[in-house]
């Protein structure tokens, strides 16, 4: 009984450690940034709708939240909260595919005006990104397009392929440890049953020996 209680507590501790985030990442439709981007690119030409996050329509924060749900990761749906969600990348050349990029506009350079997901970075630091325009829906835009050129604010990296791999690997390792603990418990139970049977046989022999009439030659 004590062994059961200890193992049960260990199992609860293990599962609570990766319940939610790690389980969601493990069971997500995509396991790499490239796979996520392939899904995002399939959303092209779908229409804009304020507050929408797919799969029929999107706004810009909605497209970002949809994208990272494909990796099992929840991010803020508010554009300003998203802008400070992770460490800022201020140099376009340091961005990577899948980073979230933010633009201001000429009227208010400190206010986030547009959000997108980096699709490709060129050697000169210009880049393409997936975004949602109210009149054109989901499309690939360029940092050199009118309205975007000169208005780059910063980017953030939500997650990397290496981090996703570590999360998934850790989840699988914990599951393997749980299965091993279950197997060890089952083996321990079998040993307990054997010991109980042996004890019972010894007790029966003891009772039999002490109740039998003594025969003295």
N, C-alpha and C. Protein backbone atom coordinates (compact mmCIF):
# COMPACT_ATOMS: atom_id res chain seq x y z
N UNK A 1 0.84 -1.21 0.00
CA UNK A 1 0.00 0.00 0.00
C UNK A 1 0.87 1.26 0.00
N UNK A 2 1.90 1.27 0.85
CA UNK A 2 2.79 2.43 0.92
C UNK A 2 3.46 2.67 -0.42
N UNK A 3 3.87 1.57 -1.09
CA UNK A 3 4.51 1.69 -2.40
C UNK A 3 3.57 2.32 -3.41
N UNK A 4 2.27 1.94 -3.34
CA UNK A 4 1.28 2.51 -4.26
C UNK A 4 1.12 4.00 -4.05
N UNK A 5 1.07 4.41 -2.79
CA UNK A 5 0.89 5.83 -2.48
C UNK A 5 2.08 6.65 -2.97
N UNK A 6 3.29 6.12 -2.75
CA UNK A 6 4.50 6.84 -3.18
C UNK A 6 4.52 7.00 -4.69
N UNK A 7 4.22 5.91 -5.42
CA UNK A 7 4.24 5.97 -6.88
C UNK A 7 3.16 6.90 -7.40
N UNK A 8 1.97 6.83 -6.78
CA UNK A 8 0.88 7.70 -7.22
C UNK A 8 1.28 9.17 -7.08
N UNK A 9 1.92 9.50 -5.97
CA UNK A 9 2.38 10.89 -5.76
C UNK A 9 3.41 11.28 -6.80
N UNK A 10 4.29 10.35 -7.14
CA UNK A 10 5.32 10.63 -8.15
C UNK A 10 4.70 10.85 -9.51
N UNK A 11 3.68 10.07 -9.84
CA UNK A 11 3.02 10.22 -11.14
C UNK A 11 2.30 11.55 -11.23
N UNK A 12 1.65 11.96 -10.15
CA UNK A 12 0.97 13.26 -10.15
C UNK A 12 1.97 14.37 -10.34
N UNK A 13 3.12 14.29 -9.66
CA UNK A 13 4.15 15.31 -9.78
C UNK A 13 4.67 15.39 -11.20
N UNK A 14 4.91 14.24 -11.83
CA UNK A 14 5.44 14.22 -13.20
C UNK A 14 4.44 14.81 -14.18
N UNK A 15 3.16 14.35 -14.08
CA UNK A 15 2.19 14.81 -15.07
C UNK A 15 1.87 16.29 -14.89
N UNK A 16 1.84 16.78 -13.63
CA UNK A 16 1.53 18.20 -13.44
C UNK A 16 2.66 19.07 -13.97
N UNK A 17 3.89 18.52 -14.00
CA UNK A 17 5.03 19.30 -14.47
C UNK A 17 4.91 19.61 -15.95
N UNK A 18 4.32 18.70 -16.73
CA UNK A 18 4.22 18.98 -18.15
C UNK A 18 2.77 19.07 -18.63
N UNK A 19 1.83 19.10 -17.69
CA UNK A 19 0.44 19.27 -18.11
C UNK A 19 0.27 20.65 -18.74
N UNK A 20 -0.44 20.70 -19.84
CA UNK A 20 -0.64 21.98 -20.51
C UNK A 20 0.41 22.22 -21.57
N UNK A 21 1.40 23.03 -21.25
CA UNK A 21 2.35 23.50 -22.25
C UNK A 21 3.07 22.36 -22.96
N UNK A 22 3.72 21.47 -22.21
CA UNK A 22 4.50 20.42 -22.86
C UNK A 22 3.59 19.40 -23.56
N UNK A 23 2.46 19.10 -22.94
CA UNK A 23 1.52 18.17 -23.58
C UNK A 23 0.97 18.78 -24.86
N UNK A 24 0.64 20.08 -24.81
CA UNK A 24 0.12 20.76 -26.01
C UNK A 24 1.15 20.77 -27.12
N UNK A 25 2.41 21.05 -26.77
CA UNK A 25 3.48 21.06 -27.78
C UNK A 25 3.66 19.67 -28.37
N UNK A 26 3.62 18.66 -27.52
CA UNK A 26 3.81 17.29 -27.98
C UNK A 26 2.70 16.86 -28.93
N UNK A 27 1.47 17.28 -28.65
CA UNK A 27 0.32 16.85 -29.44
C UNK A 27 -0.09 17.84 -30.52
N UNK A 28 0.72 18.87 -30.73
CA UNK A 28 0.38 19.92 -31.71
C UNK A 28 0.48 19.39 -33.14
N UNK A 29 -0.23 20.03 -34.07
CA UNK A 29 -0.18 19.61 -35.48
C UNK A 29 1.21 19.76 -36.10
N UNK A 30 1.98 20.74 -35.64
CA UNK A 30 3.31 21.00 -36.21
C UNK A 30 4.39 20.83 -35.13
N UNK A 31 5.57 20.38 -35.57
CA UNK A 31 6.67 20.19 -34.64
C UNK A 31 7.90 21.02 -34.99
N UNK A 32 7.82 21.82 -36.06
CA UNK A 32 8.93 22.69 -36.45
C UNK A 32 8.39 24.03 -36.93
N UNK A 33 9.28 25.03 -36.94
CA UNK A 33 8.90 26.35 -37.46
C UNK A 33 8.52 26.26 -38.94
N UNK A 34 9.27 25.49 -39.71
CA UNK A 34 8.97 25.36 -41.14
C UNK A 34 7.58 24.77 -41.35
N UNK A 35 7.21 23.78 -40.55
CA UNK A 35 5.88 23.18 -40.68
C UNK A 35 4.81 24.20 -40.31
N UNK A 36 5.06 24.99 -39.27
CA UNK A 36 4.12 26.05 -38.89
C UNK A 36 3.95 27.05 -40.03
N UNK A 37 5.08 27.46 -40.63
CA UNK A 37 5.01 28.44 -41.71
C UNK A 37 4.29 27.89 -42.92
N UNK A 38 4.46 26.61 -43.20
CA UNK A 38 3.75 26.00 -44.32
C UNK A 38 2.24 26.09 -44.09
N UNK A 39 1.82 25.89 -42.85
CA UNK A 39 0.39 26.02 -42.52
C UNK A 39 -0.07 27.47 -42.65
N UNK A 40 0.76 28.39 -42.18
CA UNK A 40 0.43 29.82 -42.26
C UNK A 40 0.28 30.26 -43.72
N UNK A 41 1.19 29.80 -44.57
CA UNK A 41 1.15 30.20 -45.97
C UNK A 41 -0.11 29.68 -46.68
N UNK A 42 -0.68 28.61 -46.16
CA UNK A 42 -1.93 28.09 -46.74
C UNK A 42 -3.12 28.99 -46.44
N UNK A 43 -2.92 29.95 -45.52
CA UNK A 43 -4.02 30.86 -45.16
C UNK A 43 -4.10 32.06 -46.10
N UNK A 44 -3.19 32.16 -47.04
CA UNK A 44 -3.18 33.29 -47.96
C UNK A 44 -4.53 33.44 -48.67
N UNK A 45 -4.91 34.69 -48.84
CA UNK A 45 -6.14 35.11 -49.52
C UNK A 45 -7.39 34.96 -48.65
N UNK A 46 -7.24 34.41 -47.44
CA UNK A 46 -8.40 34.40 -46.55
C UNK A 46 -8.63 35.83 -46.05
N UNK A 47 -9.87 36.20 -45.80
CA UNK A 47 -10.19 37.61 -45.56
C UNK A 47 -9.82 38.11 -44.16
N UNK A 48 -9.78 39.43 -44.06
CA UNK A 48 -9.57 40.12 -42.78
C UNK A 48 -10.89 40.20 -42.03
N UNK A 49 -10.84 40.00 -40.71
CA UNK A 49 -11.98 40.28 -39.83
C UNK A 49 -11.43 40.63 -38.46
N UNK A 50 -11.86 41.76 -37.92
CA UNK A 50 -11.35 42.22 -36.63
C UNK A 50 -11.62 41.19 -35.54
N UNK A 51 -10.58 40.84 -34.81
CA UNK A 51 -10.70 39.89 -33.71
C UNK A 51 -10.71 38.43 -34.11
N UNK A 52 -10.61 38.14 -35.41
CA UNK A 52 -10.68 36.75 -35.88
C UNK A 52 -9.32 36.08 -35.84
N UNK A 53 -9.31 34.80 -35.46
CA UNK A 53 -8.06 34.04 -35.41
C UNK A 53 -8.18 32.71 -36.14
N UNK A 54 -8.94 32.69 -37.22
CA UNK A 54 -9.01 31.53 -38.11
C UNK A 54 -10.16 30.60 -37.78
N UNK A 55 -10.35 29.63 -38.66
CA UNK A 55 -9.57 29.43 -39.88
C UNK A 55 -10.24 30.05 -41.10
N UNK A 56 -11.33 30.77 -40.91
CA UNK A 56 -12.03 31.39 -42.04
C UNK A 56 -11.58 32.83 -42.29
N UNK A 57 -11.13 33.50 -41.24
CA UNK A 57 -10.71 34.90 -41.38
C UNK A 57 -9.74 35.23 -40.23
N UNK A 58 -9.02 36.33 -40.41
CA UNK A 58 -8.00 36.71 -39.42
C UNK A 58 -7.88 38.22 -39.34
N UNK A 59 -7.39 38.69 -38.17
CA UNK A 59 -6.70 39.97 -38.12
C UNK A 59 -5.24 39.63 -37.82
N UNK A 60 -4.36 40.63 -37.70
CA UNK A 60 -2.94 40.33 -37.55
C UNK A 60 -2.58 39.59 -36.26
N UNK A 61 -3.05 40.04 -35.09
CA UNK A 61 -2.76 39.25 -33.89
C UNK A 61 -3.41 37.87 -33.96
N UNK A 62 -4.57 37.80 -34.61
CA UNK A 62 -5.25 36.52 -34.76
C UNK A 62 -4.46 35.54 -35.59
N UNK A 63 -3.80 36.03 -36.64
CA UNK A 63 -2.98 35.15 -37.47
C UNK A 63 -1.78 34.63 -36.67
N UNK A 64 -1.21 35.50 -35.83
CA UNK A 64 -0.07 35.09 -35.02
C UNK A 64 -0.49 34.03 -34.00
N UNK A 65 -1.62 34.25 -33.31
CA UNK A 65 -2.07 33.27 -32.33
C UNK A 65 -2.42 31.95 -33.01
N UNK A 66 -3.02 32.03 -34.20
CA UNK A 66 -3.33 30.81 -34.96
C UNK A 66 -2.04 30.06 -35.31
N UNK A 67 -1.04 30.81 -35.76
CA UNK A 67 0.22 30.19 -36.18
C UNK A 67 0.86 29.40 -35.04
N UNK A 68 0.95 30.01 -33.87
CA UNK A 68 1.66 29.36 -32.78
C UNK A 68 0.81 28.30 -32.08
N UNK A 69 -0.50 28.35 -32.29
CA UNK A 69 -1.33 27.23 -31.83
C UNK A 69 -0.96 25.95 -32.58
N UNK A 70 -0.46 26.11 -33.80
CA UNK A 70 -0.03 24.93 -34.58
C UNK A 70 1.17 24.24 -33.94
N UNK A 71 1.87 24.97 -33.07
CA UNK A 71 3.00 24.40 -32.32
C UNK A 71 2.62 24.07 -30.88
N UNK A 72 1.35 24.28 -30.53
CA UNK A 72 0.90 24.02 -29.17
C UNK A 72 1.24 25.12 -28.20
N UNK A 73 1.49 26.33 -28.70
CA UNK A 73 1.91 27.46 -27.87
C UNK A 73 0.86 28.56 -27.92
N UNK A 74 0.44 29.02 -26.74
CA UNK A 74 -0.50 30.14 -26.66
C UNK A 74 0.27 31.44 -26.50
N UNK A 75 -0.08 32.43 -27.30
CA UNK A 75 0.54 33.76 -27.18
C UNK A 75 -0.58 34.78 -27.01
N UNK A 76 -0.26 35.97 -26.50
CA UNK A 76 -1.30 37.00 -26.30
C UNK A 76 -1.98 37.36 -27.60
N UNK A 77 -3.28 37.57 -27.53
CA UNK A 77 -4.03 37.98 -28.71
C UNK A 77 -4.06 39.50 -28.86
N UNK A 78 -3.60 40.20 -27.83
CA UNK A 78 -3.52 41.66 -27.88
C UNK A 78 -2.19 42.06 -28.52
N UNK A 79 -2.25 42.94 -29.51
CA UNK A 79 -1.06 43.30 -30.28
C UNK A 79 0.02 43.96 -29.41
N UNK A 80 -0.37 44.82 -28.49
CA UNK A 80 0.61 45.49 -27.63
C UNK A 80 1.22 44.52 -26.63
N UNK A 81 0.41 43.64 -26.06
CA UNK A 81 0.93 42.64 -25.14
C UNK A 81 1.88 41.69 -25.88
N UNK A 82 1.54 41.37 -27.11
CA UNK A 82 2.38 40.50 -27.92
C UNK A 82 3.73 41.16 -28.19
N UNK A 83 3.72 42.48 -28.37
CA UNK A 83 4.94 43.21 -28.68
C UNK A 83 5.99 43.15 -27.58
N UNK A 84 5.56 42.94 -26.35
CA UNK A 84 6.50 42.86 -25.24
C UNK A 84 6.53 41.45 -24.64
N UNK A 85 6.08 40.48 -25.40
CA UNK A 85 5.97 39.10 -24.91
C UNK A 85 7.33 38.44 -24.72
N UNK A 86 8.30 38.83 -25.54
CA UNK A 86 9.63 38.21 -25.48
C UNK A 86 10.69 39.27 -25.74
N UNK A 87 11.95 38.87 -25.60
CA UNK A 87 13.05 39.80 -25.81
C UNK A 87 13.02 40.38 -27.22
N UNK A 88 13.22 41.68 -27.33
CA UNK A 88 13.13 42.35 -28.63
C UNK A 88 14.37 42.09 -29.48
N UNK A 89 14.13 41.90 -30.77
CA UNK A 89 15.20 41.80 -31.77
C UNK A 89 15.13 43.08 -32.59
N UNK A 90 16.14 43.91 -32.47
CA UNK A 90 16.08 45.24 -33.08
C UNK A 90 16.78 45.32 -34.43
N UNK A 91 17.54 44.28 -34.79
CA UNK A 91 18.24 44.27 -36.08
C UNK A 91 17.58 43.23 -37.00
N UNK A 92 17.01 43.65 -38.13
CA UNK A 92 16.35 42.69 -39.02
C UNK A 92 17.23 41.52 -39.44
N UNK A 93 18.53 41.74 -39.60
CA UNK A 93 19.41 40.66 -40.01
C UNK A 93 19.52 39.55 -38.97
N UNK A 94 19.15 39.86 -37.72
CA UNK A 94 19.22 38.85 -36.65
C UNK A 94 17.92 38.07 -36.51
N UNK A 95 16.93 38.43 -37.31
CA UNK A 95 15.66 37.73 -37.25
C UNK A 95 15.79 36.36 -37.91
N UNK A 96 14.85 35.48 -37.58
CA UNK A 96 14.76 34.17 -38.21
C UNK A 96 13.34 33.93 -38.70
N UNK A 97 13.21 32.99 -39.58
CA UNK A 97 11.88 32.61 -40.08
C UNK A 97 11.00 32.21 -38.89
N UNK A 98 9.78 32.73 -38.86
CA UNK A 98 8.87 32.43 -37.78
C UNK A 98 8.86 33.45 -36.67
N UNK A 99 9.82 34.39 -36.68
CA UNK A 99 9.78 35.48 -35.70
C UNK A 99 8.57 36.37 -35.98
N UNK A 100 8.10 37.03 -34.93
CA UNK A 100 6.97 37.95 -35.08
C UNK A 100 7.53 39.37 -35.19
N UNK A 101 7.12 40.09 -36.22
CA UNK A 101 7.68 41.41 -36.50
C UNK A 101 6.61 42.48 -36.30
N UNK A 102 7.05 43.68 -35.87
CA UNK A 102 6.13 44.76 -35.56
C UNK A 102 6.53 46.03 -36.31
N UNK A 103 5.51 46.74 -36.80
CA UNK A 103 5.71 47.99 -37.53
C UNK A 103 4.90 49.10 -36.87
N UNK A 104 5.44 50.30 -36.97
CA UNK A 104 4.70 51.49 -36.56
C UNK A 104 4.18 52.17 -37.83
N UNK A 105 3.62 53.35 -37.68
CA UNK A 105 3.31 54.14 -38.87
C UNK A 105 3.93 55.52 -38.72
N UNK A 106 3.90 56.28 -39.76
CA UNK A 106 4.58 57.58 -39.78
C UNK A 106 3.99 58.56 -38.78
N UNK A 107 2.70 58.40 -38.45
CA UNK A 107 2.04 59.35 -37.55
C UNK A 107 2.43 59.12 -36.10
N UNK A 108 2.68 57.87 -35.73
CA UNK A 108 3.04 57.56 -34.35
C UNK A 108 4.08 56.45 -34.33
N UNK A 109 5.37 56.81 -34.40
CA UNK A 109 6.43 55.81 -34.51
C UNK A 109 6.60 54.93 -33.27
N UNK A 110 5.96 55.28 -32.14
CA UNK A 110 6.09 54.48 -30.92
C UNK A 110 4.92 53.51 -30.73
N UNK A 111 3.93 53.56 -31.60
CA UNK A 111 2.75 52.72 -31.46
C UNK A 111 2.77 51.59 -32.49
N UNK A 112 2.49 50.38 -32.04
CA UNK A 112 2.44 49.23 -32.97
C UNK A 112 1.23 49.39 -33.89
N UNK A 113 1.51 49.35 -35.16
CA UNK A 113 0.47 49.54 -36.17
C UNK A 113 0.17 48.23 -36.90
N UNK A 114 1.19 47.42 -37.12
CA UNK A 114 1.04 46.21 -37.92
C UNK A 114 1.92 45.10 -37.35
N UNK A 115 1.41 43.88 -37.38
CA UNK A 115 2.14 42.71 -36.91
C UNK A 115 2.20 41.69 -38.03
N UNK A 116 3.30 40.96 -38.12
CA UNK A 116 3.41 39.92 -39.13
C UNK A 116 4.33 38.80 -38.66
N UNK A 117 4.44 37.77 -39.49
CA UNK A 117 5.31 36.63 -39.18
C UNK A 117 6.37 36.55 -40.27
N UNK A 118 7.64 36.61 -39.86
CA UNK A 118 8.74 36.64 -40.82
C UNK A 118 8.76 35.36 -41.67
N UNK A 119 8.82 35.56 -42.98
CA UNK A 119 8.84 34.42 -43.90
C UNK A 119 10.22 34.20 -44.50
N UNK A 120 10.95 35.31 -44.77
CA UNK A 120 12.29 35.20 -45.37
C UNK A 120 13.06 36.50 -45.12
N UNK A 121 14.34 36.36 -44.78
CA UNK A 121 15.21 37.53 -44.59
C UNK A 121 16.26 37.54 -45.68
N UNK A 122 16.40 38.68 -46.35
CA UNK A 122 17.39 38.84 -47.40
C UNK A 122 18.74 39.26 -46.81
N UNK A 123 19.81 39.10 -47.59
CA UNK A 123 21.15 39.44 -47.11
C UNK A 123 21.29 40.91 -46.77
N UNK A 124 20.53 41.76 -47.44
CA UNK A 124 20.63 43.20 -47.18
C UNK A 124 19.78 43.66 -45.99
N UNK A 125 19.12 42.70 -45.32
CA UNK A 125 18.32 43.04 -44.15
C UNK A 125 16.86 43.31 -44.44
N UNK A 126 16.48 43.40 -45.71
CA UNK A 126 15.06 43.49 -46.03
C UNK A 126 14.45 42.10 -45.85
N UNK A 127 13.17 42.04 -45.73
CA UNK A 127 12.55 40.74 -45.46
C UNK A 127 11.10 40.70 -45.91
N UNK A 128 10.62 39.49 -46.08
CA UNK A 128 9.22 39.25 -46.39
C UNK A 128 8.53 38.72 -45.14
N UNK A 129 7.27 39.00 -45.01
CA UNK A 129 6.52 38.54 -43.85
C UNK A 129 5.06 38.32 -44.24
N UNK A 130 4.40 37.46 -43.47
CA UNK A 130 2.99 37.19 -43.70
C UNK A 130 2.18 38.07 -42.77
N UNK A 131 1.21 38.77 -43.32
CA UNK A 131 0.37 39.66 -42.51
C UNK A 131 -1.05 39.65 -43.08
N UNK A 132 -1.92 40.45 -42.46
CA UNK A 132 -3.31 40.55 -42.90
C UNK A 132 -3.64 42.02 -43.15
N UNK A 133 -4.02 42.35 -44.37
CA UNK A 133 -4.43 43.72 -44.70
C UNK A 133 -5.95 43.76 -44.79
N UNK A 134 -6.56 44.79 -44.24
CA UNK A 134 -8.03 44.86 -44.22
C UNK A 134 -8.67 44.72 -45.60
N UNK A 135 -8.01 45.25 -46.64
CA UNK A 135 -8.62 45.22 -47.96
C UNK A 135 -8.15 44.05 -48.82
N UNK A 136 -7.15 43.29 -48.34
CA UNK A 136 -6.60 42.22 -49.18
C UNK A 136 -6.50 40.88 -48.47
N UNK A 137 -6.72 40.85 -47.18
CA UNK A 137 -6.66 39.59 -46.45
C UNK A 137 -5.24 39.15 -46.17
N UNK A 138 -5.06 37.84 -46.01
CA UNK A 138 -3.74 37.28 -45.68
C UNK A 138 -2.87 37.26 -46.92
N UNK A 139 -1.64 37.78 -46.79
CA UNK A 139 -0.73 37.82 -47.93
C UNK A 139 0.72 37.92 -47.45
N UNK A 140 1.64 37.78 -48.38
CA UNK A 140 3.06 38.00 -48.11
C UNK A 140 3.41 39.43 -48.50
N UNK A 141 3.91 40.20 -47.56
CA UNK A 141 4.32 41.58 -47.82
C UNK A 141 5.84 41.68 -47.69
N UNK A 142 6.37 42.82 -48.07
CA UNK A 142 7.81 43.07 -47.98
C UNK A 142 8.07 44.30 -47.11
N UNK A 143 9.19 44.27 -46.42
CA UNK A 143 9.56 45.42 -45.60
C UNK A 143 9.86 46.65 -46.45
N UNK A 144 10.00 46.45 -47.76
CA UNK A 144 10.25 47.56 -48.67
C UNK A 144 8.97 48.13 -49.27
N UNK A 145 7.83 47.51 -48.98
CA UNK A 145 6.56 48.00 -49.52
C UNK A 145 6.23 49.36 -48.91
N UNK A 146 5.55 50.23 -49.66
CA UNK A 146 5.09 51.50 -49.09
C UNK A 146 4.21 51.24 -47.87
N UNK A 147 4.44 52.00 -46.84
CA UNK A 147 3.70 51.80 -45.61
C UNK A 147 4.48 50.99 -44.58
N UNK A 148 5.42 50.17 -45.07
CA UNK A 148 6.26 49.37 -44.17
C UNK A 148 7.71 49.87 -44.16
N UNK A 149 8.18 50.34 -45.30
CA UNK A 149 9.57 50.77 -45.40
C UNK A 149 9.85 51.91 -44.42
N UNK A 150 10.86 51.70 -43.59
CA UNK A 150 11.23 52.71 -42.61
C UNK A 150 10.42 52.67 -41.32
N UNK A 151 9.47 51.76 -41.25
CA UNK A 151 8.60 51.71 -40.07
C UNK A 151 8.82 50.45 -39.22
N UNK A 152 9.87 49.72 -39.48
CA UNK A 152 10.20 48.56 -38.66
C UNK A 152 10.47 48.99 -37.23
N UNK A 153 9.83 48.33 -36.27
CA UNK A 153 10.05 48.64 -34.86
C UNK A 153 11.00 47.61 -34.23
N UNK A 154 10.56 46.37 -34.20
CA UNK A 154 11.37 45.29 -33.67
C UNK A 154 10.68 43.96 -33.99
N UNK A 155 11.32 42.88 -33.61
CA UNK A 155 10.72 41.55 -33.73
C UNK A 155 10.89 40.82 -32.41
N UNK A 156 10.18 39.73 -32.24
CA UNK A 156 10.38 38.87 -31.08
C UNK A 156 10.42 37.42 -31.56
N UNK A 157 11.11 36.59 -30.81
CA UNK A 157 11.15 35.15 -31.12
C UNK A 157 10.35 34.41 -30.06
N UNK A 158 9.26 33.83 -30.47
CA UNK A 158 8.41 33.10 -29.53
C UNK A 158 9.08 31.80 -29.10
N UNK A 159 9.60 31.06 -30.07
CA UNK A 159 10.20 29.75 -29.80
C UNK A 159 11.12 29.39 -30.95
N UNK A 160 12.06 28.49 -30.69
CA UNK A 160 12.96 28.00 -31.75
C UNK A 160 12.75 26.51 -31.93
N UNK A 161 13.25 25.99 -33.04
CA UNK A 161 13.16 24.54 -33.28
C UNK A 161 13.86 23.77 -32.17
N UNK A 162 14.98 24.30 -31.70
CA UNK A 162 15.73 23.62 -30.63
C UNK A 162 14.90 23.52 -29.35
N UNK A 163 14.19 24.60 -29.02
CA UNK A 163 13.35 24.58 -27.81
C UNK A 163 12.19 23.61 -27.96
N UNK A 164 11.59 23.60 -29.14
CA UNK A 164 10.49 22.66 -29.38
C UNK A 164 10.99 21.23 -29.25
N UNK A 165 12.14 20.96 -29.81
CA UNK A 165 12.73 19.61 -29.72
C UNK A 165 12.98 19.22 -28.27
N UNK A 166 13.50 20.16 -27.48
CA UNK A 166 13.77 19.89 -26.06
C UNK A 166 12.47 19.61 -25.30
N UNK A 167 11.44 20.40 -25.57
CA UNK A 167 10.16 20.22 -24.90
C UNK A 167 9.57 18.85 -25.22
N UNK A 168 9.57 18.50 -26.51
CA UNK A 168 9.01 17.21 -26.93
C UNK A 168 9.85 16.06 -26.37
N UNK A 169 11.16 16.22 -26.37
CA UNK A 169 12.03 15.18 -25.84
C UNK A 169 11.83 14.99 -24.35
N UNK A 170 11.68 16.10 -23.62
CA UNK A 170 11.44 16.02 -22.19
C UNK A 170 10.13 15.33 -21.86
N UNK A 171 9.13 15.62 -22.67
CA UNK A 171 7.81 14.99 -22.49
C UNK A 171 7.92 13.48 -22.69
N UNK A 172 8.58 13.07 -23.76
CA UNK A 172 8.72 11.65 -24.03
C UNK A 172 9.53 10.95 -22.95
N UNK A 173 10.57 11.62 -22.45
CA UNK A 173 11.39 11.04 -21.39
C UNK A 173 10.58 10.84 -20.12
N UNK A 174 9.76 11.83 -19.78
CA UNK A 174 8.93 11.71 -18.59
C UNK A 174 7.92 10.57 -18.74
N UNK A 175 7.33 10.44 -19.92
CA UNK A 175 6.40 9.34 -20.16
C UNK A 175 7.10 8.00 -20.00
N UNK A 176 8.33 7.90 -20.52
CA UNK A 176 9.10 6.66 -20.40
C UNK A 176 9.39 6.35 -18.93
N UNK A 177 9.71 7.38 -18.15
CA UNK A 177 9.97 7.19 -16.72
C UNK A 177 8.72 6.71 -15.99
N UNK A 178 7.57 7.26 -16.38
CA UNK A 178 6.32 6.83 -15.77
C UNK A 178 6.03 5.37 -16.08
N UNK A 179 6.23 4.99 -17.35
CA UNK A 179 6.00 3.60 -17.73
C UNK A 179 6.95 2.66 -16.98
N UNK A 180 8.19 3.09 -16.79
CA UNK A 180 9.15 2.27 -16.05
C UNK A 180 8.73 2.14 -14.59
N UNK A 181 8.25 3.26 -14.02
CA UNK A 181 7.79 3.22 -12.63
C UNK A 181 6.60 2.28 -12.48
N UNK A 182 5.71 2.29 -13.45
CA UNK A 182 4.56 1.38 -13.42
C UNK A 182 5.02 -0.07 -13.49
N UNK A 183 6.00 -0.33 -14.37
CA UNK A 183 6.53 -1.69 -14.50
C UNK A 183 7.21 -2.13 -13.20
N UNK A 184 7.97 -1.21 -12.59
CA UNK A 184 8.64 -1.52 -11.32
C UNK A 184 7.61 -1.80 -10.23
N UNK A 185 6.53 -1.02 -10.23
CA UNK A 185 5.47 -1.24 -9.24
C UNK A 185 4.83 -2.61 -9.43
N UNK A 186 4.56 -2.96 -10.67
CA UNK A 186 3.93 -4.25 -10.95
C UNK A 186 4.85 -5.40 -10.50
N UNK A 187 6.14 -5.25 -10.77
CA UNK A 187 7.10 -6.26 -10.34
C UNK A 187 7.14 -6.36 -8.82
N UNK A 188 7.10 -5.19 -8.16
CA UNK A 188 7.11 -5.17 -6.70
C UNK A 188 5.86 -5.85 -6.15
N UNK A 189 4.71 -5.59 -6.81
CA UNK A 189 3.47 -6.23 -6.38
C UNK A 189 3.58 -7.75 -6.46
N UNK A 190 4.17 -8.24 -7.56
CA UNK A 190 4.33 -9.68 -7.74
C UNK A 190 5.23 -10.28 -6.66
N UNK A 191 6.29 -9.53 -6.30
CA UNK A 191 7.19 -10.01 -5.25
C UNK A 191 6.47 -10.03 -3.90
N UNK A 192 5.60 -9.03 -3.67
CA UNK A 192 4.83 -9.00 -2.44
C UNK A 192 3.90 -10.20 -2.35
N UNK A 193 3.24 -10.52 -3.48
CA UNK A 193 2.33 -11.68 -3.52
C UNK A 193 3.10 -12.96 -3.22
N UNK A 194 4.30 -13.11 -3.81
CA UNK A 194 5.12 -14.31 -3.56
C UNK A 194 5.49 -14.40 -2.07
N UNK A 195 5.88 -13.26 -1.50
CA UNK A 195 6.25 -13.24 -0.09
C UNK A 195 5.05 -13.57 0.80
N UNK A 196 3.89 -13.03 0.44
CA UNK A 196 2.68 -13.31 1.21
C UNK A 196 2.33 -14.79 1.14
N UNK A 197 2.47 -15.39 -0.04
CA UNK A 197 2.18 -16.82 -0.20
C UNK A 197 3.15 -17.67 0.62
N UNK A 198 4.42 -17.28 0.59
CA UNK A 198 5.43 -18.02 1.35
C UNK A 198 5.15 -17.92 2.85
N UNK A 199 4.79 -16.71 3.30
CA UNK A 199 4.46 -16.52 4.70
C UNK A 199 3.25 -17.37 5.11
N UNK A 200 2.26 -17.38 4.26
CA UNK A 200 1.07 -18.16 4.55
C UNK A 200 1.39 -19.65 4.65
N UNK A 201 2.25 -20.16 3.74
CA UNK A 201 2.65 -21.56 3.78
C UNK A 201 3.39 -21.88 5.07
N UNK A 202 4.28 -20.97 5.48
CA UNK A 202 5.02 -21.19 6.72
C UNK A 202 4.09 -21.19 7.93
N UNK A 203 3.13 -20.26 7.93
CA UNK A 203 2.17 -20.23 9.03
C UNK A 203 1.34 -21.50 9.09
N UNK A 204 0.93 -21.99 7.93
CA UNK A 204 0.14 -23.23 7.88
C UNK A 204 0.95 -24.42 8.39
N UNK A 205 2.23 -24.47 8.00
CA UNK A 205 3.10 -25.53 8.48
C UNK A 205 3.28 -25.44 9.99
N UNK A 206 3.40 -24.20 10.45
CA UNK A 206 3.57 -23.99 11.88
C UNK A 206 2.33 -24.46 12.66
N UNK A 207 1.17 -24.07 12.15
CA UNK A 207 -0.09 -24.47 12.80
C UNK A 207 -0.25 -25.99 12.76
N UNK A 208 0.04 -26.55 11.61
CA UNK A 208 -0.09 -28.00 11.44
C UNK A 208 0.84 -28.73 12.41
N UNK A 209 2.08 -28.28 12.52
CA UNK A 209 3.05 -28.91 13.41
C UNK A 209 2.67 -28.81 14.87
N UNK A 210 2.02 -27.72 15.26
CA UNK A 210 1.68 -27.52 16.66
C UNK A 210 0.34 -28.11 17.05
N UNK A 211 -0.47 -28.51 16.08
CA UNK A 211 -1.74 -29.13 16.39
C UNK A 211 -1.69 -30.66 16.25
N UNK A 212 -0.65 -31.17 15.61
CA UNK A 212 -0.52 -32.62 15.43
C UNK A 212 -0.12 -33.28 16.76
N UNK A 213 -0.61 -34.45 17.00
CA UNK A 213 -0.27 -35.19 18.20
C UNK A 213 1.19 -35.67 18.11
N UNK A 214 1.88 -35.51 19.22
CA UNK A 214 3.26 -35.93 19.26
C UNK A 214 3.36 -37.44 19.34
N UNK A 215 4.25 -38.02 18.58
CA UNK A 215 4.48 -39.46 18.62
C UNK A 215 5.91 -39.68 19.06
N UNK A 216 6.06 -40.24 20.29
CA UNK A 216 7.41 -40.47 20.84
C UNK A 216 7.68 -41.95 20.89
N UNK A 217 8.74 -42.31 20.27
CA UNK A 217 9.11 -43.74 20.27
C UNK A 217 9.92 -44.04 21.51
